[in-house]
Amino acid sequence: MRNNEEKPSYALDPLFVRDWELKANGIRLEELLAAYAQQQRSDIQALEWFTATNTMIGIAYTYGLHPNASAGRPYDGMWKREYAGGGSVIVAYAEEPETRQIYVGILWQRRRLHHPTMPVLAVPRGYTQMPEQGELFARQSKEVVEMLHDQTALLELTEEMVKGAVYLDMLEPLGPPATTNNADVDTSGEGEGVYFYRIELPWAYLEAERPGALRLKAGLEATQGVVEGILRCQFMPIQRVLELLDDPDNPAAGCFFTEVAIGRLTRYLQRQGYPLLCNN
């Protein structure tokens, strides 16, 4: 049994009236703690906190006194932490030299929690790579956090979209680190959050697939993403991509990471003077 000195700051008072009901295999956790106490011949412990941790991908869920709760209005809750505060998201694009038309790389990926039967629009992304000796809850310096995200971005891009022929110095940040939900996601460390990147690919990497769509040339398209449900990669005019994402009846749209990545790229290109909203 843990003593008071070992309790985390978010441990609930045993008399606290909880809003959450927590079960494992349909059994209330309080009952499991009681059974454990009986088996160990120890005092019954109240449910004060718990964690669910996956060190392989660097993610943890914690339950207890919610950090956002004020002293006058405490409440129980669950929050999420990812290693380095979140992963990396990358949007690739290329410029047609004569017209300056921007073509954006889009993945068609199966995400059954998004849509059960059809692929959805996506861009390369992934959890920040956690070193073998890394600690999930440890805070890193801002410089280390940035380095980890940079390395993750390059890895995810080469696994999910472009096989080789891309390098770390080709990646450029797209805005500040972001949080997916500042009510329930812990990004409180310096430099933590989801990092967004852009990468401009040489036009020579692409070839025509059909009218209005390009693809990577043979030997350049990554194949490892197949295990993550990635079916194909296409490069489409940015105007067409925006139409697909903004269509309220398009079931393939709606991925938060894809929306933010394309939105940030669009604003960046507009600042560079590209007439993105004009039909060519």
C-alpha atoms as a PDB file:
ATOM      1  CA  MET A   1       0.000   0.000   0.000  1.00  0.00           C
ATOM      2  CA  ARG A   2       1.365   3.397  -0.927  1.00  0.00           C
ATOM      3  CA  ASN A   3       1.863   5.970   1.795  1.00  0.00           C
ATOM      4  CA  ASN A   4       0.944   9.638   1.476  1.00  0.00           C
ATOM      5  CA  GLU A   5       4.473  10.678   0.479  1.00  0.00           C
ATOM      6  CA  GLU A   6       4.264   8.452  -2.596  1.00  0.00           C
ATOM      7  CA  LYS A   7       0.961   9.805  -3.832  1.00  0.00           C
ATOM      8  CA  PRO A   8       1.055  12.077  -6.868  1.00  0.00           C
ATOM      9  CA  SER A   9      -0.316  15.586  -6.592  1.00  0.00           C
ATOM     10  CA  TYR A  10      -3.419  14.588  -8.542  1.00  0.00           C
ATOM     11  CA  ALA A  11      -4.429  11.757  -6.173  1.00  0.00           C
ATOM     12  CA  LEU A  12      -8.053  12.063  -5.094  1.00  0.00           C
ATOM     13  CA  ASP A  13      -9.085  12.246  -1.486  1.00  0.00           C
ATOM     14  CA  PRO A  14     -10.686   8.889  -0.542  1.00  0.00           C
ATOM     15  CA  LEU A  15     -13.878  10.769   0.406  1.00  0.00           C
ATOM     16  CA  PHE A  16     -14.027  12.619  -2.910  1.00  0.00           C
ATOM     17  CA  VAL A  17     -17.277  12.087  -4.820  1.00  0.00           C
ATOM     18  CA  ARG A  18     -16.198  11.043  -8.309  1.00  0.00           C
ATOM     19  CA  ASP A  19     -18.032  11.716 -11.558  1.00  0.00           C
ATOM     20  CA  TRP A  20     -16.213   9.028 -13.540  1.00  0.00           C
ATOM     21  CA  GLU A  21     -17.059   5.337 -13.293  1.00  0.00           C
ATOM     22  CA  LEU A  22     -14.007   3.231 -14.075  1.00  0.00           C
ATOM     23  CA  LYS A  23     -14.155  -0.427 -15.069  1.00  0.00           C
ATOM     24  CA  ALA A  24     -11.771  -3.126 -16.267  1.00  0.00           C
ATOM     25  CA  ASN A  25     -13.418  -5.997 -18.154  1.00  0.00           C
ATOM     26  CA  GLY A  26     -16.730  -4.675 -16.883  1.00  0.00           C
ATOM     27  CA  ILE A  27     -15.629  -4.826 -13.232  1.00  0.00           C
ATOM     28  CA  ARG A  28     -15.518  -1.603 -11.239  1.00  0.00           C
ATOM     29  CA  LEU A  29     -11.954  -0.767 -10.220  1.00  0.00           C
ATOM     30  CA  GLU A  30     -13.023  -0.315  -6.605  1.00  0.00           C
ATOM     31  CA  GLU A  31     -14.079  -3.962  -6.556  1.00  0.00           C
ATOM     32  CA  LEU A  32     -10.745  -5.018  -8.029  1.00  0.00           C
ATOM     33  CA  LEU A  33      -8.874  -3.042  -5.368  1.00  0.00           C
ATOM     34  CA  ALA A  34     -10.990  -4.713  -2.694  1.00  0.00           C
ATOM     35  CA  ALA A  35     -10.255  -8.159  -4.145  1.00  0.00           C
ATOM     36  CA  TYR A  36      -6.546  -7.312  -4.302  1.00  0.00           C
ATOM     37  CA  ALA A  37      -6.569  -6.220  -0.649  1.00  0.00           C
ATOM     38  CA  GLN A  38      -8.257  -9.450   0.354  1.00  0.00           C
ATOM     39  CA  GLN A  39      -5.742 -11.524  -1.593  1.00  0.00           C
ATOM     40  CA  GLN A  40      -2.819  -9.590  -0.097  1.00  0.00           C
ATOM     41  CA  ARG A  41      -4.417  -9.495   3.372  1.00  0.00           C
ATOM     42  CA  SER A  42      -3.983  -5.732   3.426  1.00  0.00           C
ATOM     43  CA  ASP A  43      -6.189  -2.706   3.978  1.00  0.00           C
ATOM     44  CA  ILE A  44      -8.654  -1.830   1.250  1.00  0.00           C
ATOM     45  CA  GLN A  45      -7.474   1.132  -0.786  1.00  0.00           C
ATOM     46  CA  ALA A  46      -9.752   3.777  -2.208  1.00  0.00           C
ATOM     47  CA  LEU A  47      -9.440   4.513  -5.910  1.00  0.00           C
ATOM     48  CA  GLU A  48      -7.349   7.695  -5.950  1.00  0.00           C
ATOM     49  CA  TRP A  49      -5.652   7.641  -9.373  1.00  0.00           C
ATOM     50  CA  PHE A  50      -4.528   5.379 -12.195  1.00  0.00           C
ATOM     51  CA  THR A  51      -2.417   5.497 -15.348  1.00  0.00           C
ATOM     52  CA  ALA A  52      -2.527   3.621 -18.654  1.00  0.00           C
ATOM     53  CA  THR A  53       0.851   3.798 -20.380  1.00  0.00           C
ATOM     54  CA  ASN A  54       2.296   2.612 -23.695  1.00  0.00           C
ATOM     55  CA  THR A  55       6.047   3.175 -23.732  1.00  0.00           C
ATOM     56  CA  MET A  56       6.419   1.813 -27.278  1.00  0.00           C
ATOM     57  CA  ILE A  57       4.615   4.773 -28.830  1.00  0.00           C
ATOM     58  CA  GLY A  58       5.143   7.144 -25.911  1.00  0.00           C
ATOM     59  CA  ILE A  59       1.614   7.857 -24.723  1.00  0.00           C
ATOM     60  CA  ALA A  60      -0.066   7.830 -21.315  1.00  0.00           C
ATOM     61  CA  TYR A  61      -3.538   8.454 -19.938  1.00  0.00           C
ATOM     62  CA  THR A  62      -3.869   9.563 -16.329  1.00  0.00           C
ATOM     63  CA  TYR A  63      -6.940   9.689 -14.091  1.00  0.00           C
ATOM     64  CA  GLY A  64      -7.225  11.680 -10.893  1.00  0.00           C
ATOM     65  CA  LEU A  65      -7.812  15.230  -9.701  1.00  0.00           C
ATOM     66  CA  HIS A  66      -7.884  17.130 -12.986  1.00  0.00           C
ATOM     67  CA  PRO A  67      -5.066  19.712 -13.328  1.00  0.00           C
ATOM     68  CA  ASN A  68      -7.513  22.287 -14.735  1.00  0.00           C
ATOM     69  CA  ALA A  69      -9.724  22.095 -11.649  1.00  0.00           C
ATOM     70  CA  SER A  70      -9.699  25.142  -9.381  1.00  0.00           C
ATOM     71  CA  ALA A  71      -9.217  24.855  -5.620  1.00  0.00           C
ATOM     72  CA  GLY A  72     -12.830  25.819  -5.071  1.00  0.00           C
ATOM     73  CA  ARG A  73     -14.282  23.443  -7.661  1.00  0.00           C
ATOM     74  CA  PRO A  74     -12.223  20.247  -7.841  1.00  0.00           C
ATOM     75  CA  TYR A  75     -13.303  17.485 -10.193  1.00  0.00           C
ATOM     76  CA  ASP A  76     -11.968  14.143 -11.326  1.00  0.00           C
ATOM     77  CA  GLY A  77     -10.959  13.562 -14.907  1.00  0.00           C
ATOM     78  CA  MET A  78      -8.639  11.925 -17.385  1.00  0.00           C
ATOM     79  CA  TRP A  79      -5.923  13.583 -19.426  1.00  0.00           C
ATOM     80  CA  LYS A  80      -3.430  12.496 -22.037  1.00  0.00           C
ATOM     81  CA  ARG A  81       0.284  12.995 -22.406  1.00  0.00           C
ATOM     82  CA  GLU A  82       2.465  12.114 -25.378  1.00  0.00           C
ATOM     83  CA  TYR A  83       6.234  12.020 -25.346  1.00  0.00           C
ATOM     84  CA  ALA A  84       7.543  15.530 -26.122  1.00  0.00           C
ATOM     85  CA  GLY A  85       3.951  16.751 -26.015  1.00  0.00           C
ATOM     86  CA  GLY A  86       2.812  15.264 -29.324  1.00  0.00           C
ATOM     87  CA  GLY A  87       3.892  14.018 -32.715  1.00  0.00           C
ATOM     88  CA  SER A  88       4.837  15.503 -36.074  1.00  0.00           C
ATOM     89  CA  VAL A  89       2.633  16.271 -39.095  1.00  0.00           C
ATOM     90  CA  ILE A  90       4.049  16.950 -42.550  1.00  0.00           C
ATOM     91  CA  VAL A  91       2.472  18.398 -45.680  1.00  0.00           C
ATOM     92  CA  ALA A  92       4.380  17.972 -48.943  1.00  0.00           C
ATOM     93  CA  TYR A  93       3.817  20.037 -52.053  1.00  0.00           C
ATOM     94  CA  ALA A  94       5.393  20.942 -55.384  1.00  0.00           C
ATOM     95  CA  GLU A  95       5.167  23.973 -57.673  1.00  0.00           C
ATOM     96  CA  GLU A  96       4.536  23.642 -61.392  1.00  0.00           C
ATOM     97  CA  PRO A  97       7.282  25.906 -62.800  1.00  0.00           C
ATOM     98  CA  GLU A  98       5.378  27.572 -65.646  1.00  0.00           C
ATOM     99  CA  THR A  99       2.038  28.282 -63.962  1.00  0.00           C
ATOM    100  CA  ARG A 100       3.155  28.358 -60.286  1.00  0.00           C
ATOM    101  CA  GLN A 101       0.253  26.003 -59.585  1.00  0.00           C
ATOM    102  CA  ILE A 102       0.733  24.314 -56.208  1.00  0.00           C
ATOM    103  CA  TYR A 103       0.082  20.577 -55.977  1.00  0.00           C
ATOM    104  CA  VAL A 104      -0.367  19.173 -52.466  1.00  0.00           C
ATOM    105  CA  GLY A 105       0.396  15.593 -51.492  1.00  0.00           C
ATOM    106  CA  ILE A 106      -2.583  13.768 -50.001  1.00  0.00           C
ATOM    107  CA  LEU A 107      -2.759  10.233 -48.644  1.00  0.00           C
ATOM    108  CA  TRP A 108      -5.816   8.027 -48.876  1.00  0.00           C
ATOM    109  CA  GLN A 109      -5.786   6.049 -45.654  1.00  0.00           C
ATOM    110  CA  ARG A 110      -8.059   3.618 -43.849  1.00  0.00           C
ATOM    111  CA  ARG A 111      -8.936   4.957 -40.391  1.00  0.00           C
ATOM    112  CA  ARG A 112     -11.896   2.913 -39.211  1.00  0.00           C
ATOM    113  CA  LEU A 113     -12.566   5.123 -36.198  1.00  0.00           C
ATOM    114  CA  HIS A 114     -12.997   7.990 -38.675  1.00  0.00           C
ATOM    115  CA  HIS A 115     -14.984   6.096 -41.314  1.00  0.00           C
ATOM    116  CA  PRO A 116     -15.673   2.356 -41.064  1.00  0.00           C
ATOM    117  CA  THR A 117     -15.730   1.496 -44.763  1.00  0.00           C
ATOM    118  CA  MET A 118     -13.898   4.061 -46.903  1.00  0.00           C
ATOM    119  CA  PRO A 119     -10.439   5.666 -46.909  1.00  0.00           C
ATOM    120  CA  VAL A 120     -10.113   9.230 -45.670  1.00  0.00           C
ATOM    121  CA  LEU A 121      -7.897  12.179 -46.585  1.00  0.00           C
ATOM    122  CA  ALA A 122      -4.656  12.362 -44.615  1.00  0.00           C
ATOM    123  CA  VAL A 123      -1.119  13.701 -44.554  1.00  0.00           C
ATOM    124  CA  PRO A 124       1.960  11.951 -43.120  1.00  0.00           C
ATOM    125  CA  ARG A 125       2.102  12.038 -39.339  1.00  0.00           C
ATOM    126  CA  GLY A 126       3.212  10.001 -36.367  1.00  0.00           C
ATOM    127  CA  TYR A 127       4.039   9.892 -32.677  1.00  0.00           C
ATOM    128  CA  THR A 128       7.350  11.407 -31.649  1.00  0.00           C
ATOM    129  CA  GLN A 129       9.961   8.675 -31.620  1.00  0.00           C
ATOM    130  CA  MET A 130      10.782   7.790 -28.020  1.00  0.00           C
ATOM    131  CA  PRO A 131      14.399   6.719 -27.339  1.00  0.00           C
ATOM    132  CA  GLU A 132      14.877   3.330 -25.713  1.00  0.00           C
ATOM    133  CA  GLN A 133      16.086   4.981 -22.514  1.00  0.00           C
ATOM    134  CA  GLY A 134      13.561   7.807 -22.655  1.00  0.00           C
ATOM    135  CA  GLU A 135      11.085   8.534 -19.871  1.00  0.00           C
ATOM    136  CA  LEU A 136       7.555   9.313 -20.963  1.00  0.00           C
ATOM    137  CA  PHE A 137       6.850  11.842 -18.223  1.00  0.00           C
ATOM    138  CA  ALA A 138      10.270  13.529 -18.309  1.00  0.00           C
ATOM    139  CA  ARG A 139      10.451  17.130 -19.504  1.00  0.00           C
ATOM    140  CA  GLN A 140      13.074  17.795 -22.155  1.00  0.00           C
ATOM    141  CA  SER A 141      14.760  21.047 -23.080  1.00  0.00           C
ATOM    142  CA  LYS A 142      13.169  22.986 -25.929  1.00  0.00           C
ATOM    143  CA  GLU A 143      16.144  22.161 -28.154  1.00  0.00           C
ATOM    144  CA  VAL A 144      15.760  18.426 -27.527  1.00  0.00           C
ATOM    145  CA  VAL A 145      12.001  18.573 -28.106  1.00  0.00           C
ATOM    146  CA  GLU A 146      12.533  20.318 -31.447  1.00  0.00           C
ATOM    147  CA  MET A 147      15.186  17.815 -32.498  1.00  0.00           C
ATOM    148  CA  LEU A 148      12.930  14.873 -31.637  1.00  0.00           C
ATOM    149  CA  HIS A 149      10.087  16.318 -33.697  1.00  0.00           C
ATOM    150  CA  ASP A 150      12.380  17.053 -36.653  1.00  0.00           C
ATOM    151  CA  GLN A 151      13.633  13.471 -36.686  1.00  0.00           C
ATOM    152  CA  THR A 152      10.099  12.118 -36.371  1.00  0.00           C
ATOM    153  CA  ALA A 153       8.896  14.271 -39.266  1.00  0.00           C
ATOM    154  CA  LEU A 154      11.570  12.956 -41.602  1.00  0.00           C
ATOM    155  CA  LEU A 155      10.934   9.361 -40.541  1.00  0.00           C
ATOM    156  CA  GLU A 156       7.161   9.578 -41.021  1.00  0.00           C
ATOM    157  CA  LEU A 157       7.506  11.300 -44.386  1.00  0.00           C
ATOM    158  CA  THR A 158       9.830   8.618 -45.730  1.00  0.00           C
ATOM    159  CA  GLU A 159       7.689   5.793 -44.344  1.00  0.00           C
ATOM    160  CA  GLU A 160       4.318   7.099 -45.513  1.00  0.00           C
ATOM    161  CA  MET A 161       4.886   9.180 -48.650  1.00  0.00           C
ATOM    162  CA  VAL A 162       8.339   9.701 -50.199  1.00  0.00           C
ATOM    163  CA  LYS A 163      10.918   6.917 -50.129  1.00  0.00           C
ATOM    164  CA  GLY A 164      14.333   8.549 -49.883  1.00  0.00           C
ATOM    165  CA  ALA A 165      15.276  11.659 -51.869  1.00  0.00           C
ATOM    166  CA  VAL A 166      14.249  13.921 -48.958  1.00  0.00           C
ATOM    167  CA  TYR A 167      16.468  15.335 -46.242  1.00  0.00           C
ATOM    168  CA  LEU A 168      16.110  16.980 -42.872  1.00  0.00           C
ATOM    169  CA  ASP A 169      17.133  20.409 -44.124  1.00  0.00           C
ATOM    170  CA  MET A 170      14.225  20.362 -46.606  1.00  0.00           C
ATOM    171  CA  LEU A 171      11.692  20.462 -43.766  1.00  0.00           C
ATOM    172  CA  GLU A 172      10.399  23.851 -42.641  1.00  0.00           C
ATOM    173  CA  PRO A 173       8.153  24.502 -39.608  1.00  0.00           C
ATOM    174  CA  LEU A 174       4.565  25.580 -40.195  1.00  0.00           C
ATOM    175  CA  GLY A 175       3.583  27.710 -37.226  1.00  0.00           C
ATOM    176  CA  PRO A 176       4.018  27.019 -33.507  1.00  0.00           C
ATOM    177  CA  PRO A 177       3.544  23.687 -31.712  1.00  0.00           C
ATOM    178  CA  ALA A 178      -0.165  22.968 -31.231  1.00  0.00           C
ATOM    179  CA  THR A 179      -2.318  21.104 -28.754  1.00  0.00           C
ATOM    180  CA  THR A 180      -5.215  18.972 -29.920  1.00  0.00           C
ATOM    181  CA  ASN A 181      -7.222  19.850 -26.786  1.00  0.00           C
ATOM    182  CA  ASN A 182      -5.844  22.131 -24.088  1.00  0.00           C
ATOM    183  CA  ALA A 183      -8.500  20.888 -21.664  1.00  0.00           C
ATOM    184  CA  ASP A 184      -7.342  17.277 -21.703  1.00  0.00           C
ATOM    185  CA  VAL A 185      -3.879  17.088 -23.321  1.00  0.00           C
ATOM    186  CA  ASP A 186      -0.673  17.887 -21.425  1.00  0.00           C
ATOM    187  CA  THR A 187       1.699  20.044 -23.480  1.00  0.00           C
ATOM    188  CA  SER A 188       2.885  22.170 -20.564  1.00  0.00           C
ATOM    189  CA  GLY A 189       6.612  21.574 -21.111  1.00  0.00           C
ATOM    190  CA  GLU A 190       8.692  24.113 -23.008  1.00  0.00           C
ATOM    191  CA  GLY A 191       8.371  23.613 -26.757  1.00  0.00           C
ATOM    192  CA  GLU A 192       5.921  20.717 -26.391  1.00  0.00           C
ATOM    193  CA  GLY A 193       2.989  20.021 -28.688  1.00  0.00           C
ATOM    194  CA  VAL A 194       2.216  18.726 -32.159  1.00  0.00           C
ATOM    195  CA  TYR A 195       4.683  20.075 -34.723  1.00  0.00           C
ATOM    196  CA  PHE A 196       3.598  20.908 -38.282  1.00  0.00           C
ATOM    197  CA  TYR A 197       6.022  20.993 -41.197  1.00  0.00           C
ATOM    198  CA  ARG A 198       6.007  21.788 -44.890  1.00  0.00           C
ATOM    199  CA  ILE A 199       8.353  20.343 -47.466  1.00  0.00           C
ATOM    200  CA  GLU A 200       8.573  21.510 -51.069  1.00  0.00           C
ATOM    201  CA  LEU A 201       9.463  18.641 -53.368  1.00  0.00           C
ATOM    202  CA  PRO A 202      11.176  19.140 -56.726  1.00  0.00           C
ATOM    203  CA  TRP A 203       8.698  19.193 -59.588  1.00  0.00           C
ATOM    204  CA  ALA A 204      10.763  16.479 -61.263  1.00  0.00           C
ATOM    205  CA  TYR A 205       9.624  14.014 -58.563  1.00  0.00           C
ATOM    206  CA  LEU A 206       6.077  14.002 -59.985  1.00  0.00           C
ATOM    207  CA  GLU A 207       4.366  12.636 -63.073  1.00  0.00           C
ATOM    208  CA  ALA A 208       0.823  12.687 -64.415  1.00  0.00           C
ATOM    209  CA  GLU A 209      -1.592  10.097 -63.064  1.00  0.00           C
ATOM    210  CA  ARG A 210      -4.823  11.421 -64.563  1.00  0.00           C
ATOM    211  CA  PRO A 211      -6.226  14.860 -65.391  1.00  0.00           C
ATOM    212  CA  GLY A 212      -5.997  17.003 -62.260  1.00  0.00           C
ATOM    213  CA  ALA A 213      -3.862  14.569 -60.281  1.00  0.00           C
ATOM    214  CA  LEU A 214      -0.184  13.694 -60.143  1.00  0.00           C
ATOM    215  CA  ARG A 215       1.763  10.938 -58.433  1.00  0.00           C
ATOM    216  CA  LEU A 216       5.318  10.325 -57.350  1.00  0.00           C
ATOM    217  CA  LYS A 217       7.495   8.765 -60.016  1.00  0.00           C
ATOM    218  CA  ALA A 218       8.357   5.084 -59.863  1.00  0.00           C
ATOM    219  CA  GLY A 219      10.774   4.297 -57.079  1.00  0.00           C
ATOM    220  CA  LEU A 220       9.940   7.392 -55.028  1.00  0.00           C
ATOM    221  CA  GLU A 221       6.642   6.419 -53.417  1.00  0.00           C
ATOM    222  CA  ALA A 222       6.984   4.914 -49.948  1.00  0.00           C
ATOM    223  CA  THR A 223       5.508   1.462 -49.401  1.00  0.00           C
ATOM    224  CA  GLN A 224       5.927   0.980 -45.657  1.00  0.00           C
ATOM    225  CA  GLY A 225       2.740   2.934 -44.971  1.00  0.00           C
ATOM    226  CA  VAL A 226       0.671   0.028 -46.303  1.00  0.00           C
ATOM    227  CA  VAL A 227       0.782  -1.531 -42.829  1.00  0.00           C
ATOM    228  CA  GLU A 228      -0.930   1.616 -41.504  1.00  0.00           C
ATOM    229  CA  GLY A 229      -3.725   1.452 -44.040  1.00  0.00           C
ATOM    230  CA  ILE A 230      -2.287   3.900 -46.576  1.00  0.00           C
ATOM    231  CA  LEU A 231      -3.715   2.941 -49.956  1.00  0.00           C
ATOM    232  CA  ARG A 232      -2.250   5.559 -52.275  1.00  0.00           C
ATOM    233  CA  CYS A 233      -0.684   8.995 -52.518  1.00  0.00           C
ATOM    234  CA  GLN A 234      -1.839  11.714 -54.909  1.00  0.00           C
ATOM    235  CA  PHE A 235      -0.781  15.293 -55.585  1.00  0.00           C
ATOM    236  CA  MET A 236      -3.702  17.561 -56.425  1.00  0.00           C
ATOM    237  CA  PRO A 237      -4.067  21.310 -57.005  1.00  0.00           C
ATOM    238  CA  ILE A 238      -4.366  23.031 -53.655  1.00  0.00           C
ATOM    239  CA  GLN A 239      -7.696  24.550 -54.694  1.00  0.00           C
ATOM    240  CA  ARG A 240      -9.089  21.046 -55.218  1.00  0.00           C
ATOM    241  CA  VAL A 241      -7.743  19.873 -51.868  1.00  0.00           C
ATOM    242  CA  LEU A 242      -9.402  22.817 -50.119  1.00  0.00           C
ATOM    243  CA  GLU A 243     -12.682  22.010 -51.884  1.00  0.00           C
ATOM    244  CA  LEU A 244     -12.515  18.420 -50.652  1.00  0.00           C
ATOM    245  CA  LEU A 245     -11.755  19.484 -47.086  1.00  0.00           C
ATOM    246  CA  ASP A 246     -14.473  22.155 -47.007  1.00  0.00           C
ATOM    247  CA  ASP A 247     -17.230  19.998 -48.510  1.00  0.00           C
ATOM    248  CA  PRO A 248     -19.663  19.408 -45.603  1.00  0.00           C
ATOM    249  CA  ASP A 249     -20.938  16.248 -47.280  1.00  0.00           C
ATOM    250  CA  ASN A 250     -17.524  14.683 -47.873  1.00  0.00           C
ATOM    251  CA  PRO A 251     -17.115  11.745 -45.461  1.00  0.00           C
ATOM    252  CA  ALA A 252     -13.416  11.481 -46.344  1.00  0.00           C
ATOM    253  CA  ALA A 253     -12.707  14.929 -44.870  1.00  0.00           C
ATOM    254  CA  GLY A 254     -12.520  15.996 -41.245  1.00  0.00           C
ATOM    255  CA  CYS A 255      -9.120  14.789 -40.023  1.00  0.00           C
ATOM    256  CA  PHE A 256      -7.977  17.473 -37.562  1.00  0.00           C
ATOM    257  CA  PHE A 257      -4.279  17.106 -38.369  1.00  0.00           C
ATOM    258  CA  THR A 258      -4.896  17.270 -42.112  1.00  0.00           C
ATOM    259  CA  GLU A 259      -7.123  20.326 -41.754  1.00  0.00           C
ATOM    260  CA  VAL A 260      -4.543  22.219 -39.699  1.00  0.00           C
ATOM    261  CA  ALA A 261      -1.624  21.222 -41.928  1.00  0.00           C
ATOM    262  CA  ILE A 262      -3.341  22.274 -45.160  1.00  0.00           C
ATOM    263  CA  GLY A 263      -4.716  25.419 -43.534  1.00  0.00           C
ATOM    264  CA  ARG A 264      -1.290  26.492 -42.318  1.00  0.00           C
ATOM    265  CA  LEU A 265       0.275  25.729 -45.687  1.00  0.00           C
ATOM    266  CA  THR A 266      -2.419  27.770 -47.431  1.00  0.00           C
ATOM    267  CA  ARG A 267      -1.770  30.794 -45.216  1.00  0.00           C
ATOM    268  CA  TYR A 268       1.976  30.442 -45.733  1.00  0.00           C
ATOM    269  CA  LEU A 269       1.611  30.347 -49.515  1.00  0.00           C
ATOM    270  CA  GLN A 270      -0.747  33.310 -49.491  1.00  0.00           C
ATOM    271  CA  ARG A 271       1.862  35.317 -47.607  1.00  0.00           C
ATOM    272  CA  GLN A 272       4.319  34.382 -50.356  1.00  0.00           C
ATOM    273  CA  GLY A 273       2.011  35.901 -52.969  1.00  0.00           C
ATOM    274  CA  TYR A 274       0.463  32.768 -54.484  1.00  0.00           C
ATOM    275  CA  PRO A 275      -3.056  33.480 -55.880  1.00  0.00           C
ATOM    276  CA  LEU A 276      -4.425  30.306 -54.305  1.00  0.00           C
ATOM    277  CA  LEU A 277      -8.084  31.205 -54.363  1.00  0.00           C
ATOM    278  CA  CYS A 278      -8.197  32.004 -58.065  1.00  0.00           C
ATOM    279  CA  ASN A 279      -9.185  29.374 -60.602  1.00  0.00           C
ATOM    280  CA  ASN A 280      -6.513  28.733 -63.204  1.00  0.00           C
END
